[in-house]
């Protein structure tokens, strides 16, 4: 797995872990309503977490879905930050990092690579 893909995977895993931890802390300190508002900015991170766990074996569709979700995450993080959600900037940085890393050429080549079972990539 090339460096940018692995870096994107690590960023997603770390952001998901930090998001869950911070949501628990917000719930303990401010209540369930605030925790729900806070976790709303991390919803795309949860979906990206599932996609990132498939980076090693998946095709280009997972990369495209991850890029689209990273763009949505940037949008939601901007709106959450505008509403005053505490630490809403964290998903914004995660979304930008994942977007940049997965749009690099080595990432594109990795997800379009020839598979061991002989199935050619969908898009050449």
PDB file of N, CA and C in Angstrom:
ATOM      1  N   UNK A   1       0.852  -1.163   0.000  1.00  0.00           N
ATOM      2  CA  UNK A   1       0.000   0.000   0.000  1.00  0.00           C
ATOM      3  C   UNK A   1       0.905   1.235   0.000  1.00  0.00           C
ATOM      4  N   UNK A   2       0.690   2.158  -0.941  1.00  0.00           N
ATOM      5  CA  UNK A   2       1.550   3.346  -0.993  1.00  0.00           C
ATOM      6  C   UNK A   2       1.337   4.260   0.211  1.00  0.00           C
ATOM      7  N   UNK A   3       2.315   5.121   0.421  1.00  0.00           N
ATOM      8  CA  UNK A   3       2.306   6.004   1.578  1.00  0.00           C
ATOM      9  C   UNK A   3       1.074   6.888   1.707  1.00  0.00           C
ATOM     10  N   UNK A   4       0.620   7.554   0.636  1.00  0.00           N
ATOM     11  CA  UNK A   4      -0.557   8.414   0.785  1.00  0.00           C
ATOM     12  C   UNK A   4      -1.821   7.647   1.185  1.00  0.00           C
ATOM     13  N   UNK A   5      -1.981   6.431   0.686  1.00  0.00           N
ATOM     14  CA  UNK A   5      -3.157   5.638   1.039  1.00  0.00           C
ATOM     15  C   UNK A   5      -3.080   5.223   2.501  1.00  0.00           C
ATOM     16  N   UNK A   6      -1.917   4.769   2.929  1.00  0.00           N
ATOM     17  CA  UNK A   6      -1.741   4.375   4.329  1.00  0.00           C
ATOM     18  C   UNK A   6      -1.902   5.576   5.247  1.00  0.00           C
ATOM     19  N   UNK A   7      -1.381   6.736   4.838  1.00  0.00           N
ATOM     20  CA  UNK A   7      -1.526   7.946   5.651  1.00  0.00           C
ATOM     21  C   UNK A   7      -2.998   8.342   5.772  1.00  0.00           C
ATOM     22  N   UNK A   8      -3.751   8.257   4.677  1.00  0.00           N
ATOM     23  CA  UNK A   8      -5.180   8.568   4.720  1.00  0.00           C
ATOM     24  C   UNK A   8      -5.903   7.604   5.659  1.00  0.00           C
ATOM     25  N   UNK A   9      -5.525   6.327   5.600  1.00  0.00           N
ATOM     26  CA  UNK A   9      -6.133   5.333   6.469  1.00  0.00           C
ATOM     27  C   UNK A   9      -5.843   5.643   7.938  1.00  0.00           C
ATOM     28  N   UNK A  10      -4.623   6.003   8.247  1.00  0.00           N
ATOM     29  CA  UNK A  10      -4.255   6.322   9.628  1.00  0.00           C
ATOM     30  C   UNK A  10      -4.973   7.585  10.096  1.00  0.00           C
ATOM     31  N   UNK A  11      -5.072   8.591   9.240  1.00  0.00           N
ATOM     32  CA  UNK A  11      -5.784   9.821   9.601  1.00  0.00           C
ATOM     33  C   UNK A  11      -7.245   9.514   9.912  1.00  0.00           C
ATOM     34  N   UNK A  12      -7.870   8.681   9.099  1.00  0.00           N
ATOM     35  CA  UNK A  12      -9.278   8.335   9.320  1.00  0.00           C
ATOM     36  C   UNK A  12      -9.436   7.558  10.619  1.00  0.00           C
ATOM     37  N   UNK A  13      -8.584   6.562  10.858  1.00  0.00           N
ATOM     38  CA  UNK A  13      -8.679   5.773  12.088  1.00  0.00           C
ATOM     39  C   UNK A  13      -8.471   6.647  13.320  1.00  0.00           C
ATOM     40  N   UNK A  14      -7.487   7.524  13.267  1.00  0.00           N
ATOM     41  CA  UNK A  14      -7.209   8.401  14.410  1.00  0.00           C
ATOM     42  C   UNK A  14      -8.356   9.389  14.639  1.00  0.00           C
ATOM     43  N   UNK A  15      -8.877   9.962  13.572  1.00  0.00           N
ATOM     44  CA  UNK A  15      -9.972  10.924  13.707  1.00  0.00           C
ATOM     45  C   UNK A  15     -11.222  10.255  14.267  1.00  0.00           C
ATOM     46  N   UNK A  16     -11.483   9.029  13.853  1.00  0.00           N
ATOM     47  CA  UNK A  16     -12.645   8.318  14.374  1.00  0.00           C
ATOM     48  C   UNK A  16     -12.480   8.042  15.869  1.00  0.00           C
ATOM     49  N   UNK A  17     -11.303   7.593  16.252  1.00  0.00           N
ATOM     50  CA  UNK A  17     -11.053   7.331  17.668  1.00  0.00           C
ATOM     51  C   UNK A  17     -11.153   8.582  18.518  1.00  0.00           C
ATOM     52  N   UNK A  18     -10.563   9.666  18.048  1.00  0.00           N
ATOM     53  CA  UNK A  18     -10.632  10.930  18.785  1.00  0.00           C
ATOM     54  C   UNK A  18     -12.074  11.444  18.822  1.00  0.00           C
ATOM     55  N   UNK A  19     -12.796  11.306  17.723  1.00  0.00           N
ATOM     56  CA  UNK A  19     -14.191  11.755  17.685  1.00  0.00           C
ATOM     57  C   UNK A  19     -15.068  11.012  18.664  1.00  0.00           C
ATOM     58  N   UNK A  20     -14.898   9.703  18.753  1.00  0.00           N
ATOM     59  CA  UNK A  20     -15.678   8.917  19.708  1.00  0.00           C
ATOM     60  C   UNK A  20     -15.302   9.287  21.137  1.00  0.00           C
ATOM     61  N   UNK A  21     -14.021   9.415  21.403  1.00  0.00           N
ATOM     62  CA  UNK A  21     -13.563   9.788  22.739  1.00  0.00           C
ATOM     63  C   UNK A  21     -14.095  11.163  23.144  1.00  0.00           C
ATOM     64  N   UNK A  22     -14.003  12.131  22.251  1.00  0.00           N
ATOM     65  CA  UNK A  22     -14.501  13.470  22.563  1.00  0.00           C
ATOM     66  C   UNK A  22     -16.018  13.495  22.714  1.00  0.00           C
ATOM     67  N   UNK A  23     -16.724  12.680  21.954  1.00  0.00           N
ATOM     68  CA  UNK A  23     -18.177  12.602  22.093  1.00  0.00           C
ATOM     69  C   UNK A  23     -18.552  12.080  23.472  1.00  0.00           C
ATOM     70  N   UNK A  24     -17.838  11.082  23.946  1.00  0.00           N
ATOM     71  CA  UNK A  24     -18.091  10.550  25.287  1.00  0.00           C
ATOM     72  C   UNK A  24     -17.804  11.624  26.344  1.00  0.00           C
ATOM     73  N   UNK A  25     -16.731  12.364  26.163  1.00  0.00           N
ATOM     74  CA  UNK A  25     -16.403  13.428  27.118  1.00  0.00           C
ATOM     75  C   UNK A  25     -17.436  14.548  27.095  1.00  0.00           C
ATOM     76  N   UNK A  26     -17.913  14.918  25.916  1.00  0.00           N
ATOM     77  CA  UNK A  26     -18.952  15.943  25.816  1.00  0.00           C
ATOM     78  C   UNK A  26     -20.242  15.436  26.451  1.00  0.00           C
ATOM     79  N   UNK A  27     -20.574  14.167  26.245  1.00  0.00           N
ATOM     80  CA  UNK A  27     -21.781  13.599  26.843  1.00  0.00           C
ATOM     81  C   UNK A  27     -21.696  13.608  28.363  1.00  0.00           C
ATOM     82  N   UNK A  28     -20.522  13.299  28.891  1.00  0.00           N
ATOM     83  CA  UNK A  28     -20.355  13.283  30.344  1.00  0.00           C
ATOM     84  C   UNK A  28     -20.412  14.690  30.929  1.00  0.00           C
ATOM     85  N   UNK A  29     -19.929  15.659  30.193  1.00  0.00           N
ATOM     86  CA  UNK A  29     -19.872  17.018  30.713  1.00  0.00           C
ATOM     87  C   UNK A  29     -21.088  17.869  30.420  1.00  0.00           C
ATOM     88  N   UNK A  30     -21.650  17.741  29.224  1.00  0.00           N
ATOM     89  CA  UNK A  30     -22.706  18.664  28.812  1.00  0.00           C
ATOM     90  C   UNK A  30     -24.046  17.981  28.546  1.00  0.00           C
ATOM     91  N   UNK A  31     -24.088  16.681  28.486  1.00  0.00           N
ATOM     92  CA  UNK A  31     -25.349  15.987  28.269  1.00  0.00           C
ATOM     93  C   UNK A  31     -25.466  15.390  26.876  1.00  0.00           C
ATOM     94  N   UNK A  32     -26.552  14.670  26.720  1.00  0.00           N
ATOM     95  CA  UNK A  32     -26.764  13.912  25.488  1.00  0.00           C
ATOM     96  C   UNK A  32     -27.028  14.817  24.289  1.00  0.00           C
ATOM     97  N   UNK A  33     -27.752  15.909  24.487  1.00  0.00           N
ATOM     98  CA  UNK A  33     -28.076  16.790  23.373  1.00  0.00           C
ATOM     99  C   UNK A  33     -26.806  17.389  22.770  1.00  0.00           C
ATOM    100  N   UNK A  34     -25.945  17.893  23.603  1.00  0.00           N
ATOM    101  CA  UNK A  34     -24.685  18.470  23.109  1.00  0.00           C
ATOM    102  C   UNK A  34     -23.792  17.404  22.490  1.00  0.00           C
ATOM    103  N   UNK A  35     -23.815  16.204  23.072  1.00  0.00           N
ATOM    104  CA  UNK A  35     -23.017  15.118  22.503  1.00  0.00           C
ATOM    105  C   UNK A  35     -23.526  14.752  21.112  1.00  0.00           C
ATOM    106  N   UNK A  36     -24.832  14.769  20.922  1.00  0.00           N
ATOM    107  CA  UNK A  36     -25.404  14.496  19.608  1.00  0.00           C
ATOM    108  C   UNK A  36     -25.031  15.562  18.601  1.00  0.00           C
ATOM    109  N   UNK A  37     -25.068  16.819  19.027  1.00  0.00           N
ATOM    110  CA  UNK A  37     -24.639  17.906  18.142  1.00  0.00           C
ATOM    111  C   UNK A  37     -23.177  17.755  17.773  1.00  0.00           C
ATOM    112  N   UNK A  38     -22.376  17.362  18.755  1.00  0.00           N
ATOM    113  CA  UNK A  38     -20.948  17.203  18.509  1.00  0.00           C
ATOM    114  C   UNK A  38     -20.684  16.032  17.573  1.00  0.00           C
ATOM    115  N   UNK A  39     -21.348  14.895  17.812  1.00  0.00           N
ATOM    116  CA  UNK A  39     -21.092  13.720  16.978  1.00  0.00           C
ATOM    117  C   UNK A  39     -21.627  13.899  15.563  1.00  0.00           C
ATOM    118  N   UNK A  40     -22.568  14.800  15.371  1.00  0.00           N
ATOM    119  CA  UNK A  40     -23.098  15.074  14.030  1.00  0.00           C
ATOM    120  C   UNK A  40     -22.020  15.513  13.053  1.00  0.00           C
ATOM    121  N   UNK A  41     -21.012  16.195  13.565  1.00  0.00           N
ATOM    122  CA  UNK A  41     -19.922  16.614  12.686  1.00  0.00           C
ATOM    123  C   UNK A  41     -18.953  15.471  12.404  1.00  0.00           C
ATOM    124  N   UNK A  42     -19.116  14.347  13.105  1.00  0.00           N
ATOM    125  CA  UNK A  42     -18.225  13.199  12.924  1.00  0.00           C
ATOM    126  C   UNK A  42     -18.906  12.027  12.212  1.00  0.00           C
ATOM    127  N   UNK A  43     -20.097  12.230  11.689  1.00  0.00           N
ATOM    128  CA  UNK A  43     -20.807  11.128  11.030  1.00  0.00           C
ATOM    129  C   UNK A  43     -20.060  10.618   9.800  1.00  0.00           C
ATOM    130  N   UNK A  44     -19.529  11.519   9.010  1.00  0.00           N
ATOM    131  CA  UNK A  44     -18.797  11.094   7.828  1.00  0.00           C
ATOM    132  C   UNK A  44     -17.512  10.358   8.211  1.00  0.00           C
ATOM    133  N   UNK A  45     -16.941  10.714   9.345  1.00  0.00           N
ATOM    134  CA  UNK A  45     -15.747  10.007   9.812  1.00  0.00           C
ATOM    135  C   UNK A  45     -16.086   8.560  10.133  1.00  0.00           C
ATOM    136  N   UNK A  46     -17.274   8.324  10.679  1.00  0.00           N
ATOM    137  CA  UNK A  46     -17.693   6.957  10.988  1.00  0.00           C
ATOM    138  C   UNK A  46     -17.839   6.130   9.709  1.00  0.00           C
ATOM    139  N   UNK A  47     -18.417   6.729   8.677  1.00  0.00           N
ATOM    140  CA  UNK A  47     -18.566   6.014   7.404  1.00  0.00           C
ATOM    141  C   UNK A  47     -17.196   5.844   6.741  1.00  0.00           C
ATOM    142  N   UNK A  48     -16.364   6.884   6.819  1.00  0.00           N
ATOM    143  CA  UNK A  48     -15.009   6.771   6.272  1.00  0.00           C
ATOM    144  C   UNK A  48     -14.212   5.689   6.993  1.00  0.00           C
ATOM    145  N   UNK A  49     -14.468   5.505   8.273  1.00  0.00           N
ATOM    146  CA  UNK A  49     -13.797   4.456   9.033  1.00  0.00           C
ATOM    147  C   UNK A  49     -14.088   3.081   8.429  1.00  0.00           C
ATOM    148  N   UNK A  50     -15.329   2.849   8.070  1.00  0.00           N
ATOM    149  CA  UNK A  50     -15.704   1.568   7.453  1.00  0.00           C
ATOM    150  C   UNK A  50     -15.027   1.421   6.093  1.00  0.00           C
ATOM    151  N   UNK A  51     -15.028   2.477   5.300  1.00  0.00           N
ATOM    152  CA  UNK A  51     -14.387   2.415   3.984  1.00  0.00           C
ATOM    153  C   UNK A  51     -12.875   2.239   4.095  1.00  0.00           C
ATOM    154  N   UNK A  52     -12.262   2.916   5.067  1.00  0.00           N
ATOM    155  CA  UNK A  52     -10.808   2.834   5.226  1.00  0.00           C
ATOM    156  C   UNK A  52     -10.363   1.433   5.622  1.00  0.00           C
ATOM    157  N   UNK A  53     -11.233   0.704   6.295  1.00  0.00           N
ATOM    158  CA  UNK A  53     -10.864  -0.665   6.653  1.00  0.00           C
ATOM    159  C   UNK A  53     -10.813  -1.573   5.428  1.00  0.00           C
ATOM    160  N   UNK A  54     -11.350  -1.125   4.299  1.00  0.00           N
ATOM    161  CA  UNK A  54     -11.339  -1.912   3.063  1.00  0.00           C
ATOM    162  C   UNK A  54     -10.312  -1.430   2.048  1.00  0.00           C
ATOM    163  N   UNK A  55      -9.494  -0.442   2.406  1.00  0.00           N
ATOM    164  CA  UNK A  55      -8.523   0.115   1.454  1.00  0.00           C
ATOM    165  C   UNK A  55      -7.588  -0.940   0.882  1.00  0.00           C
ATOM    166  N   UNK A  56      -7.185  -1.918   1.653  1.00  0.00           N
ATOM    167  CA  UNK A  56      -6.192  -2.894   1.206  1.00  0.00           C
ATOM    168  C   UNK A  56      -6.709  -3.760   0.063  1.00  0.00           C
ATOM    169  N   UNK A  57      -7.996  -4.101   0.074  1.00  0.00           N
ATOM    170  CA  UNK A  57      -8.521  -5.042  -0.916  1.00  0.00           C
ATOM    171  C   UNK A  57      -9.509  -4.425  -1.900  1.00  0.00           C
ATOM    172  N   UNK A  58      -9.930  -3.213  -1.670  1.00  0.00           N
ATOM    173  CA  UNK A  58     -11.006  -2.631  -2.472  1.00  0.00           C
ATOM    174  C   UNK A  58     -10.490  -2.008  -3.763  1.00  0.00           C
ATOM    175  N   UNK A  59     -11.439  -1.713  -4.625  1.00  0.00           N
ATOM    176  CA  UNK A  59     -11.122  -1.091  -5.904  1.00  0.00           C
ATOM    177  C   UNK A  59     -11.308   0.412  -5.875  1.00  0.00           C
ATOM    178  N   UNK A  60     -11.380   0.997  -7.050  1.00  0.00           N
ATOM    179  CA  UNK A  60     -11.442   2.446  -7.195  1.00  0.00           C
ATOM    180  C   UNK A  60     -12.737   3.035  -6.642  1.00  0.00           C
ATOM    181  N   UNK A  61     -13.794   2.258  -6.584  1.00  0.00           N
ATOM    182  CA  UNK A  61     -15.062   2.759  -6.048  1.00  0.00           C
ATOM    183  C   UNK A  61     -14.950   3.187  -4.597  1.00  0.00           C
ATOM    184  N   UNK A  62     -14.144   2.485  -3.820  1.00  0.00           N
ATOM    185  CA  UNK A  62     -13.958   2.848  -2.417  1.00  0.00           C
ATOM    186  C   UNK A  62     -13.196   4.162  -2.319  1.00  0.00           C
ATOM    187  N   UNK A  63     -12.226   4.367  -3.192  1.00  0.00           N
ATOM    188  CA  UNK A  63     -11.487   5.640  -3.195  1.00  0.00           C
ATOM    189  C   UNK A  63     -12.411   6.785  -3.568  1.00  0.00           C
ATOM    190  N   UNK A  64     -13.218   6.607  -4.594  1.00  0.00           N
ATOM    191  CA  UNK A  64     -14.140   7.659  -5.030  1.00  0.00           C
ATOM    192  C   UNK A  64     -15.161   7.959  -3.934  1.00  0.00           C
ATOM    193  N   UNK A  65     -15.708   6.911  -3.321  1.00  0.00           N
ATOM    194  CA  UNK A  65     -16.663   7.114  -2.229  1.00  0.00           C
ATOM    195  C   UNK A  65     -16.008   7.840  -1.061  1.00  0.00           C
ATOM    196  N   UNK A  66     -14.765   7.512  -0.769  1.00  0.00           N
ATOM    197  CA  UNK A  66     -14.052   8.176   0.321  1.00  0.00           C
ATOM    198  C   UNK A  66     -13.801   9.646   0.003  1.00  0.00           C
ATOM    199  N   UNK A  67     -13.469   9.950  -1.237  1.00  0.00           N
ATOM    200  CA  UNK A  67     -13.252  11.344  -1.632  1.00  0.00           C
ATOM    201  C   UNK A  67     -14.559  12.130  -1.526  1.00  0.00           C
ATOM    202  N   UNK A  68     -15.655  11.547  -1.991  1.00  0.00           N
ATOM    203  CA  UNK A  68     -16.955  12.226  -1.912  1.00  0.00           C
ATOM    204  C   UNK A  68     -17.344  12.447  -0.451  1.00  0.00           C
ATOM    205  N   UNK A  69     -17.161  11.443   0.382  1.00  0.00           N
ATOM    206  CA  UNK A  69     -17.499  11.590   1.796  1.00  0.00           C
ATOM    207  C   UNK A  69     -16.591  12.587   2.495  1.00  0.00           C
ATOM    208  N   UNK A  70     -15.339  12.659   2.091  1.00  0.00           N
ATOM    209  CA  UNK A  70     -14.434  13.660   2.670  1.00  0.00           C
ATOM    210  C   UNK A  70     -14.912  15.068   2.303  1.00  0.00           C
ATOM    211  N   UNK A  71     -15.397  15.248   1.078  1.00  0.00           N
ATOM    212  CA  UNK A  71     -15.949  16.551   0.682  1.00  0.00           C
ATOM    213  C   UNK A  71     -17.188  16.887   1.506  1.00  0.00           C
ATOM    214  N   UNK A  72     -18.060  15.916   1.703  1.00  0.00           N
ATOM    215  CA  UNK A  72     -19.237  16.132   2.542  1.00  0.00           C
ATOM    216  C   UNK A  72     -18.840  16.424   3.985  1.00  0.00           C
ATOM    217  N   UNK A  73     -17.818  15.750   4.446  1.00  0.00           N
ATOM    218  CA  UNK A  73     -17.347  15.980   5.806  1.00  0.00           C
ATOM    219  C   UNK A  73     -16.826  17.408   5.960  1.00  0.00           C
ATOM    220  N   UNK A  74     -16.143  17.903   4.971  1.00  0.00           N
ATOM    221  CA  UNK A  74     -15.667  19.290   5.007  1.00  0.00           C
ATOM    222  C   UNK A  74     -16.861  20.244   5.109  1.00  0.00           C
ATOM    223  N   UNK A  75     -17.879  20.000   4.309  1.00  0.00           N
ATOM    224  CA  UNK A  75     -19.081  20.836   4.341  1.00  0.00           C
ATOM    225  C   UNK A  75     -19.748  20.795   5.713  1.00  0.00           C
ATOM    226  N   UNK A  76     -19.951  19.577   6.254  1.00  0.00           N
ATOM    227  CA  UNK A  76     -20.599  19.445   7.560  1.00  0.00           C
ATOM    228  C   UNK A  76     -19.747  20.041   8.673  1.00  0.00           C
ATOM    229  N   UNK A  77     -18.441  19.901   8.575  1.00  0.00           N
ATOM    230  CA  UNK A  77     -17.563  20.461   9.600  1.00  0.00           C
ATOM    231  C   UNK A  77     -17.599  21.985   9.571  1.00  0.00           C
ATOM    232  N   UNK A  78     -17.669  22.559   8.378  1.00  0.00           N
ATOM    233  CA  UNK A  78     -17.787  24.021   8.280  1.00  0.00           C
ATOM    234  C   UNK A  78     -19.095  24.501   8.885  1.00  0.00           C
ATOM    235  N   UNK A  79     -20.178  23.787   8.617  1.00  0.00           N
ATOM    236  CA  UNK A  79     -21.465  24.194   9.189  1.00  0.00           C
ATOM    237  C   UNK A  79     -21.484  23.972  10.694  1.00  0.00           C
ATOM    238  N   UNK A  80     -20.864  22.899  11.170  1.00  0.00           N
ATOM    239  CA  UNK A  80     -20.796  22.666  12.607  1.00  0.00           C
ATOM    240  C   UNK A  80     -19.960  23.712  13.315  1.00  0.00           C
ATOM    241  N   UNK A  81     -18.874  24.091  12.708  1.00  0.00           N
ATOM    242  CA  UNK A  81     -18.025  25.125  13.287  1.00  0.00           C
ATOM    243  C   UNK A  81     -18.761  26.467  13.314  1.00  0.00           C
ATOM    244  N   UNK A  82     -19.541  26.752  12.296  1.00  0.00           N
ATOM    245  CA  UNK A  82     -20.305  27.995  12.249  1.00  0.00           C
ATOM    246  C   UNK A  82     -21.389  28.019  13.327  1.00  0.00           C
ATOM    247  N   UNK A  83     -21.920  26.845  13.682  1.00  0.00           N
ATOM    248  CA  UNK A  83     -22.935  26.766  14.734  1.00  0.00           C
ATOM    249  C   UNK A  83     -22.334  26.786  16.130  1.00  0.00           C
ATOM    250  N   UNK A  84     -21.018  26.742  16.216  1.00  0.00           N
ATOM    251  CA  UNK A  84     -20.368  26.802  17.511  1.00  0.00           C
ATOM    252  C   UNK A  84     -20.147  25.454  18.166  1.00  0.00           C
ATOM    253  N   UNK A  85     -20.114  24.397  17.382  1.00  0.00           N
ATOM    254  CA  UNK A  85     -19.841  23.076  17.931  1.00  0.00           C
ATOM    255  C   UNK A  85     -18.395  23.044  18.418  1.00  0.00           C
ATOM    256  N   UNK A  86     -18.176  22.609  19.668  1.00  0.00           N
ATOM    257  CA  UNK A  86     -16.800  22.590  20.170  1.00  0.00           C
ATOM    258  C   UNK A  86     -15.933  21.613  19.382  1.00  0.00           C
ATOM    259  N   UNK A  87     -14.754  22.031  19.043  1.00  0.00           N
ATOM    260  CA  UNK A  87     -13.782  21.240  18.282  1.00  0.00           C
ATOM    261  C   UNK A  87     -14.331  20.769  16.934  1.00  0.00           C
ATOM    262  N   UNK A  88     -15.203  21.547  16.330  1.00  0.00           N
ATOM    263  CA  UNK A  88     -15.736  21.199  15.016  1.00  0.00           C
ATOM    264  C   UNK A  88     -14.701  21.312  13.915  1.00  0.00           C
ATOM    265  N   UNK A  89     -13.565  21.883  14.244  1.00  0.00           N
ATOM    266  CA  UNK A  89     -12.494  22.046  13.254  1.00  0.00           C
ATOM    267  C   UNK A  89     -11.760  20.729  13.009  1.00  0.00           C
ATOM    268  N   UNK A  90     -11.831  19.790  13.940  1.00  0.00           N
ATOM    269  CA  UNK A  90     -11.150  18.494  13.800  1.00  0.00           C
ATOM    270  C   UNK A  90     -11.615  17.729  12.558  1.00  0.00           C
ATOM    271  N   UNK A  91     -12.921  17.561  12.327  1.00  0.00           N
ATOM    272  CA  UNK A  91     -13.333  16.871  11.095  1.00  0.00           C
ATOM    273  C   UNK A  91     -12.981  17.646   9.832  1.00  0.00           C
ATOM    274  N   UNK A  92     -12.896  18.967   9.946  1.00  0.00           N
ATOM    275  CA  UNK A  92     -12.508  19.769   8.787  1.00  0.00           C
ATOM    276  C   UNK A  92     -11.086  19.424   8.359  1.00  0.00           C
ATOM    277  N   UNK A  93     -10.180  19.384   9.298  1.00  0.00           N
ATOM    278  CA  UNK A  93      -8.797  19.014   8.989  1.00  0.00           C
ATOM    279  C   UNK A  93      -8.686  17.590   8.475  1.00  0.00           C
ATOM    280  N   UNK A  94      -9.467  16.698   9.056  1.00  0.00           N
ATOM    281  CA  UNK A  94      -9.467  15.303   8.606  1.00  0.00           C
ATOM    282  C   UNK A  94      -9.957  15.197   7.169  1.00  0.00           C
ATOM    283  N   UNK A  95     -11.042  15.884   6.864  1.00  0.00           N
ATOM    284  CA  UNK A  95     -11.591  15.836   5.508  1.00  0.00           C
ATOM    285  C   UNK A  95     -10.625  16.378   4.470  1.00  0.00           C
ATOM    286  N   UNK A  96      -9.977  17.472   4.795  1.00  0.00           N
ATOM    287  CA  UNK A  96      -9.016  18.063   3.860  1.00  0.00           C
ATOM    288  C   UNK A  96      -7.827  17.123   3.658  1.00  0.00           C
ATOM    289  N   UNK A  97      -7.320  16.549   4.750  1.00  0.00           N
ATOM    290  CA  UNK A  97      -6.170  15.645   4.643  1.00  0.00           C
ATOM    291  C   UNK A  97      -6.514  14.412   3.812  1.00  0.00           C
ATOM    292  N   UNK A  98      -7.676  13.809   4.060  1.00  0.00           N
ATOM    293  CA  UNK A  98      -8.077  12.614   3.314  1.00  0.00           C
ATOM    294  C   UNK A  98      -8.287  12.956   1.845  1.00  0.00           C
ATOM    295  N   UNK A  99      -8.899  14.092   1.584  1.00  0.00           N
ATOM    296  CA  UNK A  99      -9.132  14.512   0.202  1.00  0.00           C
ATOM    297  C   UNK A  99      -7.816  14.677  -0.550  1.00  0.00           C
ATOM    298  N   UNK A 100      -6.870  15.356   0.064  1.00  0.00           N
ATOM    299  CA  UNK A 100      -5.576  15.586  -0.588  1.00  0.00           C
ATOM    300  C   UNK A 100      -4.829  14.269  -0.787  1.00  0.00           C
ATOM    301  N   UNK A 101      -4.809  13.428   0.229  1.00  0.00           N
ATOM    302  CA  UNK A 101      -4.043  12.180   0.141  1.00  0.00           C
ATOM    303  C   UNK A 101      -4.628  11.201  -0.873  1.00  0.00           C
ATOM    304  N   UNK A 102      -5.946  11.104  -0.949  1.00  0.00           N
ATOM    305  CA  UNK A 102      -6.551  10.142  -1.868  1.00  0.00           C
ATOM    306  C   UNK A 102      -6.629  10.646  -3.306  1.00  0.00           C
ATOM    307  N   UNK A 103      -6.395  11.928  -3.526  1.00  0.00           N
ATOM    308  CA  UNK A 103      -6.399  12.461  -4.894  1.00  0.00           C
ATOM    309  C   UNK A 103      -5.007  12.471  -5.518  1.00  0.00           C
ATOM    310  N   UNK A 104      -4.011  12.021  -4.800  1.00  0.00           N
ATOM    311  CA  UNK A 104      -2.658  11.954  -5.348  1.00  0.00           C
ATOM    312  C   UNK A 104      -2.550  10.778  -6.316  1.00  0.00           C
ATOM    313  N   UNK A 105      -1.607  10.867  -7.223  1.00  0.00           N
ATOM    314  CA  UNK A 105      -1.442   9.852  -8.272  1.00  0.00           C
ATOM    315  C   UNK A 105      -1.124   8.459  -7.724  1.00  0.00           C
ATOM    316  N   UNK A 106      -0.245   8.301  -6.724  1.00  0.00           N
ATOM    317  CA  UNK A 106      -0.005   6.948  -6.208  1.00  0.00           C
ATOM    318  C   UNK A 106      -1.268   6.300  -5.640  1.00  0.00           C
ATOM    319  N   UNK A 107      -2.156   7.113  -5.053  1.00  0.00           N
ATOM    320  CA  UNK A 107      -3.411   6.580  -4.521  1.00  0.00           C
ATOM    321  C   UNK A 107      -4.307   6.095  -5.656  1.00  0.00           C
ATOM    322  N   UNK A 108      -4.379   6.879  -6.712  1.00  0.00           N
ATOM    323  CA  UNK A 108      -5.193   6.477  -7.858  1.00  0.00           C
ATOM    324  C   UNK A 108      -4.670   5.181  -8.460  1.00  0.00           C
ATOM    325  N   UNK A 109      -3.359   5.080  -8.607  1.00  0.00           N
ATOM    326  CA  UNK A 109      -2.772   3.864  -9.174  1.00  0.00           C
ATOM    327  C   UNK A 109      -3.002   2.661  -8.279  1.00  0.00           C
ATOM    328  N   UNK A 110      -2.948   2.853  -6.972  1.00  0.00           N
ATOM    329  CA  UNK A 110      -3.144   1.735  -6.042  1.00  0.00           C
ATOM    330  C   UNK A 110      -4.553   1.156  -6.169  1.00  0.00           C
ATOM    331  N   UNK A 111      -5.537   2.012  -6.219  1.00  0.00           N
ATOM    332  CA  UNK A 111      -6.913   1.522  -6.267  1.00  0.00           C
ATOM    333  C   UNK A 111      -7.291   0.992  -7.647  1.00  0.00           C
ATOM    334  N   UNK A 112      -6.528   1.340  -8.684  1.00  0.00           N
ATOM    335  CA  UNK A 112      -6.793   0.836 -10.031  1.00  0.00           C
ATOM    336  C   UNK A 112      -5.853  -0.297 -10.433  1.00  0.00           C
ATOM    337  N   UNK A 113      -5.107  -0.815  -9.489  1.00  0.00           N
ATOM    338  CA  UNK A 113      -4.104  -1.832  -9.786  1.00  0.00           C
ATOM    339  C   UNK A 113      -4.750  -3.143 -10.243  1.00  0.00           C
ATOM    340  N   UNK A 114      -3.939  -3.948 -10.909  1.00  0.00           N
ATOM    341  CA  UNK A 114      -4.360  -5.281 -11.328  1.00  0.00           C
ATOM    342  C   UNK A 114      -4.468  -6.170 -10.097  1.00  0.00           C
ATOM    343  N   UNK A 115      -5.549  -6.884  -9.967  1.00  0.00           N
ATOM    344  CA  UNK A 115      -5.776  -7.739  -8.809  1.00  0.00           C
ATOM    345  C   UNK A 115      -5.126  -9.099  -9.009  1.00  0.00           C
ATOM    346  N   UNK A 116      -4.842  -9.777  -7.929  1.00  0.00           N
ATOM    347  CA  UNK A 116      -4.184 -11.082  -7.967  1.00  0.00           C
ATOM    348  C   UNK A 116      -5.058 -12.148  -8.627  1.00  0.00           C
ATOM    349  N   UNK A 117      -6.374 -11.978  -8.565  1.00  0.00           N
ATOM    350  CA  UNK A 117      -7.258 -12.984  -9.146  1.00  0.00           C
ATOM    351  C   UNK A 117      -7.453 -12.803 -10.647  1.00  0.00           C
ATOM    352  N   UNK A 118      -6.741 -11.834 -11.243  1.00  0.00           N
ATOM    353  CA  UNK A 118      -6.789 -11.654 -12.681  1.00  0.00           C
ATOM    354  C   UNK A 118      -7.909 -10.771 -13.177  1.00  0.00           C
ATOM    355  N   UNK A 119      -8.713 -10.240 -12.289  1.00  0.00           N
ATOM    356  CA  UNK A 119      -9.798  -9.369 -12.699  1.00  0.00           C
ATOM    357  C   UNK A 119      -9.219  -8.002 -13.030  1.00  0.00           C
ATOM    358  N   UNK A 120      -9.421  -7.508 -14.232  1.00  0.00           N
ATOM    359  CA  UNK A 120      -8.856  -6.199 -14.587  1.00  0.00           C
ATOM    360  C   UNK A 120      -9.600  -5.083 -13.864  1.00  0.00           C
ATOM    361  N   UNK A 121      -8.962  -3.951 -13.699  1.00  0.00           N
ATOM    362  CA  UNK A 121      -9.640  -2.818 -13.067  1.00  0.00           C
ATOM    363  C   UNK A 121     -10.776  -2.310 -13.945  1.00  0.00           C
ATOM    364  N   UNK A 122     -11.768  -1.673 -13.300  1.00  0.00           N
ATOM    365  CA  UNK A 122     -12.908  -1.165 -14.060  1.00  0.00           C
ATOM    366  C   UNK A 122     -12.515  -0.037 -14.988  1.00  0.00           C
ATOM    367  N   UNK A 123     -11.679   0.861 -14.517  1.00  0.00           N
ATOM    368  CA  UNK A 123     -11.308   2.044 -15.302  1.00  0.00           C
ATOM    369  C   UNK A 123      -9.805   2.011 -15.521  1.00  0.00           C
ATOM    370  N   UNK A 124      -9.402   2.030 -16.777  1.00  0.00           N
ATOM    371  CA  UNK A 124      -7.985   2.010 -17.075  1.00  0.00           C
ATOM    372  C   UNK A 124      -7.506   3.377 -17.482  1.00  0.00           C
TER     373      UNK A 124
END
